[in-house]
């Protein structure tokens, strides 16, 4: 049963299907692991044991009757603390929302439950999802699986830790500027960023509605595809017969490879060598407008974030972590005209990007150019915090700004991820590419 704590969702689902794995025993194994783990309170905000056991018991009954609702029926997963779950506290990592309880599940949780997934509980996150680091002195900072003194990446920090430490099969998170992909990279997981607007945000506490997306932090590309189908109640992407031979990739040079940590640079170069050896064609790619798009991030992100949250924030600013408060308040400095003009220009750049990369199967870059930063230094050095946060988010934010699908894969070097950017609403094709890349990297 200890093997169950490291198996992929796909493998566990197949075991349930053949009768080799009991959903009830599987869920109890995960609940026992959570209860016994010394870091559980830094990972989970709440463990929904009664709900999990009830859902697992129902899944077990369906499995015995041959009436499983999906390949993930009976598989236990965690949910980031911004997805409403009926009767549970959902605070988005902030004391501004202390004690907030919803009467209903978020729509994506309703969908997942309807298809038989088991809800283990809610996981810690960066405050109001506005940081790529995962540091949260207000609630809790989850651990990084590769460095006990470092942050795990954010804002889906607890989601990543729950999977990396064997306390959930998958964590469901959100990605506004990299919040699925960064913690996935720093904890050696697969993270899927979906296209903005593809998956409903109803019942999800927002940060920036124009950029907020939902996605899984998982153990394999297959799992990412299975959870995409679960969250959408849609078709599962077909990953059979994938091969890198003849696939054409763009190696993004513009900005994305500046200021790389030596570990990241080495892991990225080695990963590209493996892809070439497996038959991929990789071409250097310059797109100077990346710099311009990134320069508009402050206008686009902080204006909307502060617009959504300013009343709550200014009613009790003392409740917030100072670094997050400062970042929100930056949004007060831009006018409506600045915001509209920036969006108009970004849409032009998106059209140019789409036309320029149309012939590639994916655009490659390191998921994050830096390694997980030190917790103690982040807490004591403001300049280090700001620089680390901006660098952590830089490469992933390219995908959000250009409205793309994105995938982070572990390279085999701890905390060094390979990012593949796909086309808008091109998740199915991206996952097929990702499965071929995963095989080459392995």
Protein backbone atom coordinates (compact mmCIF):
# COMPACT_ATOMS: atom_id res chain seq x y z
CA UNK A 1 0.00 0.00 0.00
CA UNK A 2 2.93 2.34 0.51
CA UNK A 3 3.45 2.14 -3.25
CA UNK A 4 0.07 3.81 -3.65
CA UNK A 5 1.55 7.03 -2.23
CA UNK A 6 3.87 7.38 -5.24
CA UNK A 7 1.83 5.86 -8.07
CA UNK A 8 0.34 7.96 -10.82
CA UNK A 9 -3.37 8.64 -10.97
CA UNK A 10 -3.60 6.66 -14.19
CA UNK A 11 -2.00 3.60 -12.62
CA UNK A 12 -4.19 3.82 -9.52
CA UNK A 13 -7.30 4.19 -11.66
CA UNK A 14 -6.38 1.08 -13.65
CA UNK A 15 -5.80 -0.79 -10.41
CA UNK A 16 -9.25 0.19 -9.19
CA UNK A 17 -10.72 -0.88 -12.52
CA UNK A 18 -9.23 -4.38 -12.29
CA UNK A 19 -10.22 -4.77 -8.65
CA UNK A 20 -6.62 -4.85 -7.39
CA UNK A 21 -7.03 -1.54 -5.50
CA UNK A 22 -9.86 -0.65 -3.15
CA UNK A 23 -10.85 3.04 -3.33
CA UNK A 24 -11.69 2.95 0.38
CA UNK A 25 -8.33 1.44 1.34
CA UNK A 26 -6.56 3.82 -1.01
CA UNK A 27 -8.21 6.86 0.53
CA UNK A 28 -7.58 5.61 4.07
CA UNK A 29 -3.92 5.11 3.16
CA UNK A 30 -3.68 8.76 2.07
CA UNK A 31 -5.56 10.02 5.13
CA UNK A 32 -3.26 8.01 7.40
CA UNK A 33 -0.21 9.41 5.61
CA UNK A 34 -1.51 12.96 6.05
CA UNK A 35 -2.29 12.41 9.74
CA UNK A 36 1.18 11.00 10.40
CA UNK A 37 3.16 13.57 8.43
CA UNK A 38 5.06 16.13 10.54
CA UNK A 39 4.53 18.85 7.91
CA UNK A 40 0.83 18.23 7.31
CA UNK A 41 -0.28 21.53 8.87
CA UNK A 42 2.02 23.43 6.53
CA UNK A 43 0.50 21.64 3.54
CA UNK A 44 -3.22 21.24 4.29
CA UNK A 45 -5.48 23.99 5.62
CA UNK A 46 -8.23 21.46 6.26
CA UNK A 47 -8.48 17.69 5.77
CA UNK A 48 -11.99 16.61 4.78
CA UNK A 49 -11.70 13.05 6.08
CA UNK A 50 -15.45 12.39 6.45
CA UNK A 51 -16.17 13.58 2.93
CA UNK A 52 -13.23 11.65 1.52
CA UNK A 53 -14.28 8.36 3.14
CA UNK A 54 -17.90 8.79 2.06
CA UNK A 55 -16.82 9.49 -1.53
CA UNK A 56 -14.40 6.56 -1.47
CA UNK A 57 -17.08 4.20 -0.15
CA UNK A 58 -19.40 5.23 -2.99
CA UNK A 59 -16.58 4.77 -5.51
CA UNK A 60 -15.90 1.31 -4.12
CA UNK A 61 -19.53 0.33 -4.60
CA UNK A 62 -19.49 1.53 -8.21
CA UNK A 63 -16.22 -0.29 -8.91
CA UNK A 64 -17.64 -3.61 -7.66
CA UNK A 65 -20.66 -3.17 -9.93
CA UNK A 66 -18.56 -2.18 -12.96
CA UNK A 67 -20.14 1.26 -12.98
CA UNK A 68 -17.12 3.53 -12.59
CA UNK A 69 -17.85 7.07 -13.73
CA UNK A 70 -14.37 7.92 -15.02
CA UNK A 71 -10.78 6.59 -15.01
CA UNK A 72 -10.27 8.68 -11.86
CA UNK A 73 -13.29 7.37 -9.96
CA UNK A 74 -11.98 6.63 -6.46
CA UNK A 75 -8.70 8.55 -6.80
CA UNK A 76 -7.98 10.97 -3.89
CA UNK A 77 -6.82 14.52 -4.68
CA UNK A 78 -6.27 17.88 -2.97
CA UNK A 79 -7.70 21.33 -3.75
CA UNK A 80 -6.07 24.74 -3.38
CA UNK A 81 -7.55 27.01 -0.72
CA UNK A 82 -9.35 29.17 -3.27
CA UNK A 83 -11.83 26.55 -4.48
CA UNK A 84 -15.08 26.71 -2.55
CA UNK A 85 -16.07 23.45 -0.88
CA UNK A 86 -19.41 23.28 0.90
CA UNK A 87 -19.17 23.72 4.66
CA UNK A 88 -15.38 24.19 4.71
CA UNK A 89 -13.34 27.32 5.33
CA UNK A 90 -11.93 28.76 2.10
CA UNK A 91 -9.71 31.78 2.74
CA UNK A 92 -7.38 32.06 -0.28
CA UNK A 93 -4.44 32.15 2.11
CA UNK A 94 -5.49 35.46 3.66
CA UNK A 95 -6.80 36.67 7.01
CA UNK A 96 -8.88 39.17 5.01
CA UNK A 97 -11.18 36.18 4.42
CA UNK A 98 -10.76 34.54 7.83
CA UNK A 99 -13.63 32.20 8.64
CA UNK A 100 -15.17 32.44 5.16
CA UNK A 101 -17.36 29.37 4.50
CA UNK A 102 -19.22 28.61 1.27
CA UNK A 103 -22.51 26.76 1.07
CA UNK A 104 -21.63 25.10 -2.24
CA UNK A 105 -18.68 23.54 -4.04
CA UNK A 106 -16.90 25.36 -6.85
CA UNK A 107 -18.20 24.13 -10.19
CA UNK A 108 -14.93 22.33 -11.00
CA UNK A 109 -15.11 20.51 -7.66
CA UNK A 110 -18.72 19.59 -8.41
CA UNK A 111 -17.62 18.20 -11.77
CA UNK A 112 -14.73 16.24 -10.30
CA UNK A 113 -16.93 14.82 -7.55
CA UNK A 114 -19.61 13.84 -10.05
CA UNK A 115 -16.98 11.80 -11.90
CA UNK A 116 -15.92 10.05 -8.71
CA UNK A 117 -12.78 11.83 -7.53
CA UNK A 118 -12.21 11.87 -3.77
CA UNK A 119 -11.63 15.23 -2.03
CA UNK A 120 -8.91 14.92 0.62
CA UNK A 121 -9.01 18.58 1.64
CA UNK A 122 -7.68 22.06 0.94
CA UNK A 123 -4.04 23.17 0.62
CA UNK A 124 -2.11 26.29 1.65
CA UNK A 125 -1.18 28.94 -0.91
CA UNK A 126 0.36 32.38 -1.36
CA UNK A 127 -1.86 35.12 0.06
CA UNK A 128 -4.71 35.84 -2.40
CA UNK A 129 -2.60 33.96 -5.00
CA UNK A 130 -0.44 37.04 -5.65
CA UNK A 131 3.08 35.57 -5.52
CA UNK A 132 5.09 32.99 -7.41
CA UNK A 133 7.18 32.07 -4.38
CA UNK A 134 4.80 30.26 -2.02
CA UNK A 135 5.91 32.25 1.03
CA UNK A 136 2.98 32.95 3.37
CA UNK A 137 3.89 34.23 6.86
CA UNK A 138 0.19 34.95 7.54
CA UNK A 139 -1.01 31.34 7.25
CA UNK A 140 1.76 28.86 6.52
CA UNK A 141 4.59 28.32 4.06
CA UNK A 142 4.56 24.77 2.66
CA UNK A 143 7.87 22.92 2.27
CA UNK A 144 9.90 22.45 -0.90
CA UNK A 145 10.58 18.78 -1.47
CA UNK A 146 14.16 19.45 -2.62
CA UNK A 147 15.29 22.08 -0.08
CA UNK A 148 14.01 22.34 3.49
CA UNK A 149 15.23 25.95 3.74
CA UNK A 150 13.57 27.13 0.51
CA UNK A 151 10.10 28.11 -0.63
CA UNK A 152 8.15 25.59 -2.73
CA UNK A 153 6.91 28.01 -5.40
CA UNK A 154 3.50 29.60 -5.56
CA UNK A 155 0.86 30.36 -5.45
CA UNK A 156 -0.26 26.68 -5.60
CA UNK A 157 2.40 25.86 -3.03
CA UNK A 158 0.50 23.42 -0.83
CA UNK A 159 -0.93 21.74 -3.91
CA UNK A 160 2.58 20.90 -5.08
CA UNK A 161 3.72 19.82 -1.63
CA UNK A 162 0.70 17.54 -1.18
CA UNK A 163 1.72 15.55 -4.27
CA UNK A 164 5.50 15.74 -3.85
CA UNK A 165 5.29 14.44 -0.26
CA UNK A 166 2.88 11.62 -1.13
CA UNK A 167 -0.16 13.20 0.55
CA UNK A 168 -2.35 13.44 -2.57
CA UNK A 169 -2.34 11.82 -5.98
CA UNK A 170 -2.79 15.21 -7.65
CA UNK A 171 -3.27 18.78 -6.49
CA UNK A 172 -5.72 21.07 -8.26
CA UNK A 173 -4.36 24.61 -8.41
CA UNK A 174 -4.70 27.86 -10.29
CA UNK A 175 -2.30 29.69 -12.59
CA UNK A 176 -2.50 33.45 -13.15
CA UNK A 177 1.17 34.13 -13.86
CA UNK A 178 2.78 30.75 -13.27
CA UNK A 179 1.16 29.45 -10.09
CA UNK A 180 0.73 25.87 -11.34
CA UNK A 181 3.97 25.62 -13.30
CA UNK A 182 6.46 27.17 -10.85
CA UNK A 183 5.62 24.94 -7.86
CA UNK A 184 5.46 21.99 -10.25
CA UNK A 185 8.96 22.76 -11.49
CA UNK A 186 10.46 23.32 -8.04
CA UNK A 187 8.90 20.08 -6.72
CA UNK A 188 9.60 17.90 -9.78
CA UNK A 189 5.99 17.53 -10.94
CA UNK A 190 4.05 17.97 -14.17
CA UNK A 191 2.00 21.18 -14.21
CA UNK A 192 -0.61 22.08 -16.83
CA UNK A 193 -1.66 25.68 -17.39
CA UNK A 194 -4.92 25.79 -19.29
CA UNK A 195 -6.03 28.58 -21.60
CA UNK A 196 -7.83 31.48 -19.95
CA UNK A 197 -11.58 30.97 -20.28
CA UNK A 198 -11.41 27.25 -21.02
CA UNK A 199 -12.37 26.03 -17.52
CA UNK A 200 -15.05 27.81 -15.50
CA UNK A 201 -13.95 29.93 -12.53
CA UNK A 202 -17.37 29.86 -10.84
CA UNK A 203 -16.83 29.30 -7.12
CA UNK A 204 -13.12 30.14 -7.32
CA UNK A 205 -11.79 33.14 -5.38
CA UNK A 206 -10.30 35.43 -8.06
CA UNK A 207 -7.06 37.34 -8.41
CA UNK A 208 -7.16 38.60 -12.02
CA UNK A 209 -10.15 37.26 -13.93
CA UNK A 210 -8.53 38.02 -17.31
CA UNK A 211 -5.58 35.74 -16.47
CA UNK A 212 -6.84 33.25 -13.84
CA UNK A 213 -6.80 29.64 -15.02
CA UNK A 214 -7.22 26.24 -13.38
CA UNK A 215 -4.93 23.26 -13.78
CA UNK A 216 -3.50 20.11 -12.20
CA UNK A 217 -0.13 19.55 -10.51
CA UNK A 218 0.43 15.88 -11.24
CA UNK A 219 2.90 12.99 -11.43
CA UNK A 220 2.81 12.45 -15.19
CA UNK A 221 1.61 13.94 -18.45
CA UNK A 222 -1.01 11.19 -18.64
CA UNK A 223 -2.33 12.32 -15.26
CA UNK A 224 -2.47 15.94 -16.42
CA UNK A 225 -4.63 14.85 -19.36
CA UNK A 226 -6.89 12.75 -17.15
CA UNK A 227 -7.44 15.67 -14.78
CA UNK A 228 -8.12 18.05 -17.67
CA UNK A 229 -10.94 15.72 -18.68
CA UNK A 230 -12.13 15.56 -15.09
CA UNK A 231 -12.23 19.34 -14.59
CA UNK A 232 -14.09 19.88 -17.84
CA UNK A 233 -16.25 16.75 -17.69
CA UNK A 234 -14.93 16.31 -21.20
CA UNK A 235 -13.02 13.93 -23.39
CA UNK A 236 -9.65 12.67 -22.19
CA UNK A 237 -6.80 13.60 -24.58
CA UNK A 238 -5.45 10.67 -26.60
CA UNK A 239 -1.73 10.31 -25.85
CA UNK A 240 -1.16 7.05 -27.72
CA UNK A 241 1.46 6.70 -30.42
CA UNK A 242 3.37 9.89 -29.67
CA UNK A 243 6.90 10.32 -30.99
CA UNK A 244 9.29 13.28 -31.14
CA UNK A 245 10.59 12.34 -34.57
CA UNK A 246 10.13 15.34 -36.84
CA UNK A 247 8.55 17.55 -34.21
CA UNK A 248 9.71 21.16 -34.52
CA UNK A 249 10.34 23.35 -31.49
CA UNK A 250 11.28 26.97 -30.95
CA UNK A 251 14.01 27.57 -28.37
CA UNK A 252 12.98 31.00 -27.05
CA UNK A 253 16.03 33.21 -26.57
CA UNK A 254 14.32 36.56 -25.99
CA UNK A 255 14.44 37.30 -22.23
CA UNK A 256 13.59 33.70 -21.23
CA UNK A 257 17.23 32.61 -20.91
CA UNK A 258 18.57 35.71 -19.18
CA UNK A 259 19.87 35.46 -15.59
CA UNK A 260 19.61 31.67 -15.40
CA UNK A 261 20.99 29.90 -12.35
CA UNK A 262 23.81 27.51 -13.33
CA UNK A 263 21.72 24.48 -12.33
CA UNK A 264 18.86 25.66 -14.54
CA UNK A 265 21.12 26.40 -17.51
CA UNK A 266 22.72 22.98 -17.28
CA UNK A 267 19.42 21.15 -16.91
CA UNK A 268 17.88 23.04 -19.84
CA UNK A 269 20.81 22.34 -22.17
CA UNK A 270 20.80 18.66 -21.23
CA UNK A 271 17.05 18.44 -21.79
CA UNK A 272 17.33 19.93 -25.28
CA UNK A 273 20.09 17.44 -26.11
CA UNK A 274 17.78 14.58 -25.11
CA UNK A 275 14.98 15.95 -27.30
CA UNK A 276 17.31 16.24 -30.28
CA UNK A 277 18.55 12.70 -29.70
CA UNK A 278 14.93 11.53 -29.80
CA UNK A 279 14.40 13.13 -33.21
CA UNK A 280 13.13 16.62 -32.44
CA UNK A 281 14.20 19.65 -34.47
CA UNK A 282 14.95 22.63 -32.22
CA UNK A 283 15.52 26.09 -33.69
CA UNK A 284 16.72 29.24 -31.91
CA UNK A 285 13.82 31.70 -31.74
CA UNK A 286 13.81 35.43 -31.14
CA UNK A 287 10.62 37.36 -30.44
CA UNK A 288 11.66 40.83 -29.21
CA UNK A 289 8.08 41.78 -28.29
CA UNK A 290 8.36 39.45 -25.27
CA UNK A 291 10.11 42.32 -23.47
CA UNK A 292 7.31 44.73 -24.29
CA UNK A 293 4.63 42.30 -23.14
CA UNK A 294 6.42 41.66 -19.86
CA UNK A 295 6.79 45.38 -19.27
CA UNK A 296 3.01 45.70 -19.27
CA UNK A 297 2.55 43.11 -16.52
CA UNK A 298 2.35 45.69 -13.73
CA UNK A 299 -0.44 47.58 -15.46
CA UNK A 300 -2.41 44.51 -16.47
CA UNK A 301 -2.07 42.43 -13.31
CA UNK A 302 -2.00 44.92 -10.46
CA UNK A 303 -4.74 47.17 -11.83
CA UNK A 304 -7.23 44.33 -12.04
CA UNK A 305 -6.09 42.70 -8.79
CA UNK A 306 -6.35 45.94 -6.83
CA UNK A 307 -9.65 46.78 -8.49
CA UNK A 308 -11.10 43.47 -7.30
CA UNK A 309 -9.65 43.62 -3.80
CA UNK A 310 -9.10 47.27 -2.80
CA UNK A 311 -12.18 47.59 -0.58
CA UNK A 312 -11.28 44.46 1.41
CA UNK A 313 -7.62 45.41 1.55
CA UNK A 314 -8.03 49.01 2.64
CA UNK A 315 -10.58 48.05 5.30
CA UNK A 316 -7.90 45.99 7.10
CA UNK A 317 -4.45 46.34 5.48
CA UNK A 318 -2.73 45.34 8.73
CA UNK A 319 -3.95 41.78 8.21
CA UNK A 320 -1.82 41.32 5.09
CA UNK A 321 1.77 40.27 4.55
CA UNK A 322 3.57 43.53 3.72
CA UNK A 323 5.12 42.31 0.45
CA UNK A 324 1.75 41.18 -0.93
CA UNK A 325 0.04 44.36 0.27
CA UNK A 326 2.62 46.50 -1.52
CA UNK A 327 2.18 44.54 -4.74
CA UNK A 328 -1.59 44.98 -4.69
CA UNK A 329 -1.33 48.71 -4.00
CA UNK A 330 0.84 49.20 -7.06
CA UNK A 331 -2.39 48.87 -9.04
CA UNK A 332 -3.68 52.17 -7.63
CA UNK A 333 -1.06 54.05 -9.64
CA UNK A 334 -2.45 53.30 -13.10
CA UNK A 335 -5.37 54.96 -14.85
CA UNK A 336 -8.22 53.31 -16.68
CA UNK A 337 -6.73 54.70 -19.90
CA UNK A 338 -3.38 53.00 -19.13
CA UNK A 339 -5.14 49.69 -18.58
CA UNK A 340 -7.22 49.85 -21.78
CA UNK A 341 -4.25 50.90 -23.88
CA UNK A 342 -2.11 48.08 -22.49
CA UNK A 343 -4.75 45.48 -23.27
CA UNK A 344 -5.20 46.83 -26.79
CA UNK A 345 -1.47 46.58 -27.42
CA UNK A 346 -1.21 43.12 -25.85
CA UNK A 347 -3.91 41.80 -28.17
CA UNK A 348 -1.86 43.03 -31.15
CA UNK A 349 1.22 41.24 -29.77
CA UNK A 350 -0.79 38.07 -29.23
CA UNK A 351 -1.81 38.02 -32.90
CA UNK A 352 1.83 38.47 -33.97
CA UNK A 353 2.98 35.69 -31.63
CA UNK A 354 0.33 33.26 -32.91
CA UNK A 355 1.29 33.95 -36.53
CA UNK A 356 5.02 33.65 -35.86
CA UNK A 357 4.94 30.35 -33.94
CA UNK A 358 2.25 28.68 -36.07
CA UNK A 359 4.74 26.24 -37.61
CA UNK A 360 6.14 24.98 -34.32
CA UNK A 361 4.86 22.11 -32.18
CA UNK A 362 5.84 24.07 -29.08
CA UNK A 363 7.98 26.88 -27.72
CA UNK A 364 10.63 25.79 -25.19
CA UNK A 365 12.30 27.56 -22.26
CA UNK A 366 13.18 26.87 -18.62
CA UNK A 367 10.04 26.96 -16.48
CA UNK A 368 11.81 29.24 -13.99
CA UNK A 369 15.26 30.75 -14.47
CA UNK A 370 16.07 30.47 -10.76
CA UNK A 371 16.22 27.83 -8.08
CA UNK A 372 13.86 27.96 -5.06
CA UNK A 373 14.86 31.00 -2.94
CA UNK A 374 15.73 30.86 0.75
CA UNK A 375 12.81 31.44 3.15
CA UNK A 376 14.77 33.30 5.82
CA UNK A 377 16.31 35.71 3.33
CA UNK A 378 12.95 36.37 1.64
CA UNK A 379 11.54 37.34 5.03
CA UNK A 380 14.39 39.71 5.87
CA UNK A 381 15.50 41.21 2.55
CA UNK A 382 12.86 43.22 0.64
CA UNK A 383 14.98 43.64 -2.51
CA UNK A 384 15.72 39.92 -2.59
CA UNK A 385 12.00 39.14 -2.26
CA UNK A 386 11.01 41.47 -5.11
CA UNK A 387 13.75 40.28 -7.44
CA UNK A 388 13.11 36.60 -6.65
CA UNK A 389 9.38 36.94 -7.20
CA UNK A 390 9.77 38.72 -10.55
CA UNK A 391 12.37 36.23 -11.80
CA UNK A 392 10.39 33.22 -10.63
CA UNK A 393 7.33 34.39 -12.57
CA UNK A 394 9.07 35.80 -15.64
CA UNK A 395 9.10 32.82 -18.00
CA UNK A 396 5.75 31.38 -17.00
CA UNK A 397 4.09 34.79 -17.32
CA UNK A 398 4.99 34.80 -21.03
CA UNK A 399 2.40 32.05 -21.45
CA UNK A 400 -0.25 33.98 -19.52
CA UNK A 401 0.39 37.27 -21.31
CA UNK A 402 0.18 35.67 -24.75
CA UNK A 403 -2.93 33.68 -23.80
CA UNK A 404 -1.39 30.26 -24.33
CA UNK A 405 -1.63 26.75 -22.98
CA UNK A 406 1.50 25.68 -21.09
CA UNK A 407 3.11 22.61 -19.59
CA UNK A 408 6.01 22.22 -17.15
CA UNK A 409 7.89 18.92 -17.03
CA UNK A 410 10.64 17.76 -14.65
CA UNK A 411 14.03 17.50 -16.36
CA UNK A 412 15.52 15.03 -13.88
CA UNK A 413 17.56 17.78 -12.21
CA UNK A 414 15.90 18.70 -8.90
CA UNK A 415 13.76 21.86 -9.06
CA UNK A 416 14.59 22.48 -12.74
CA UNK A 417 11.58 22.35 -15.04
CA UNK A 418 11.23 22.46 -18.82
CA UNK A 419 8.34 24.60 -20.04
CA UNK A 420 6.52 23.97 -23.31
CA UNK A 421 4.13 26.68 -24.49
CA UNK A 422 1.38 25.56 -26.86
CA UNK A 423 -1.37 27.26 -28.73
CA UNK A 424 -4.47 28.90 -27.20
CA UNK A 425 -6.97 26.12 -26.44
CA UNK A 426 -4.39 23.68 -27.78
CA UNK A 427 -4.12 21.59 -24.60
CA UNK A 428 -4.81 18.29 -26.36
CA UNK A 429 -1.97 18.79 -28.87
CA UNK A 430 0.29 20.17 -26.12
CA UNK A 431 -0.26 17.10 -23.95
CA UNK A 432 0.61 14.80 -26.86
CA UNK A 433 3.82 16.76 -27.36
CA UNK A 434 4.40 16.65 -23.61
CA UNK A 435 4.03 12.88 -23.49
CA UNK A 436 6.69 12.50 -26.18
CA UNK A 437 9.00 14.95 -24.38
CA UNK A 438 8.41 13.16 -21.07
CA UNK A 439 9.49 9.87 -22.62
CA UNK A 440 12.64 11.44 -24.06
CA UNK A 441 13.59 13.08 -20.75
CA UNK A 442 13.05 9.83 -18.85
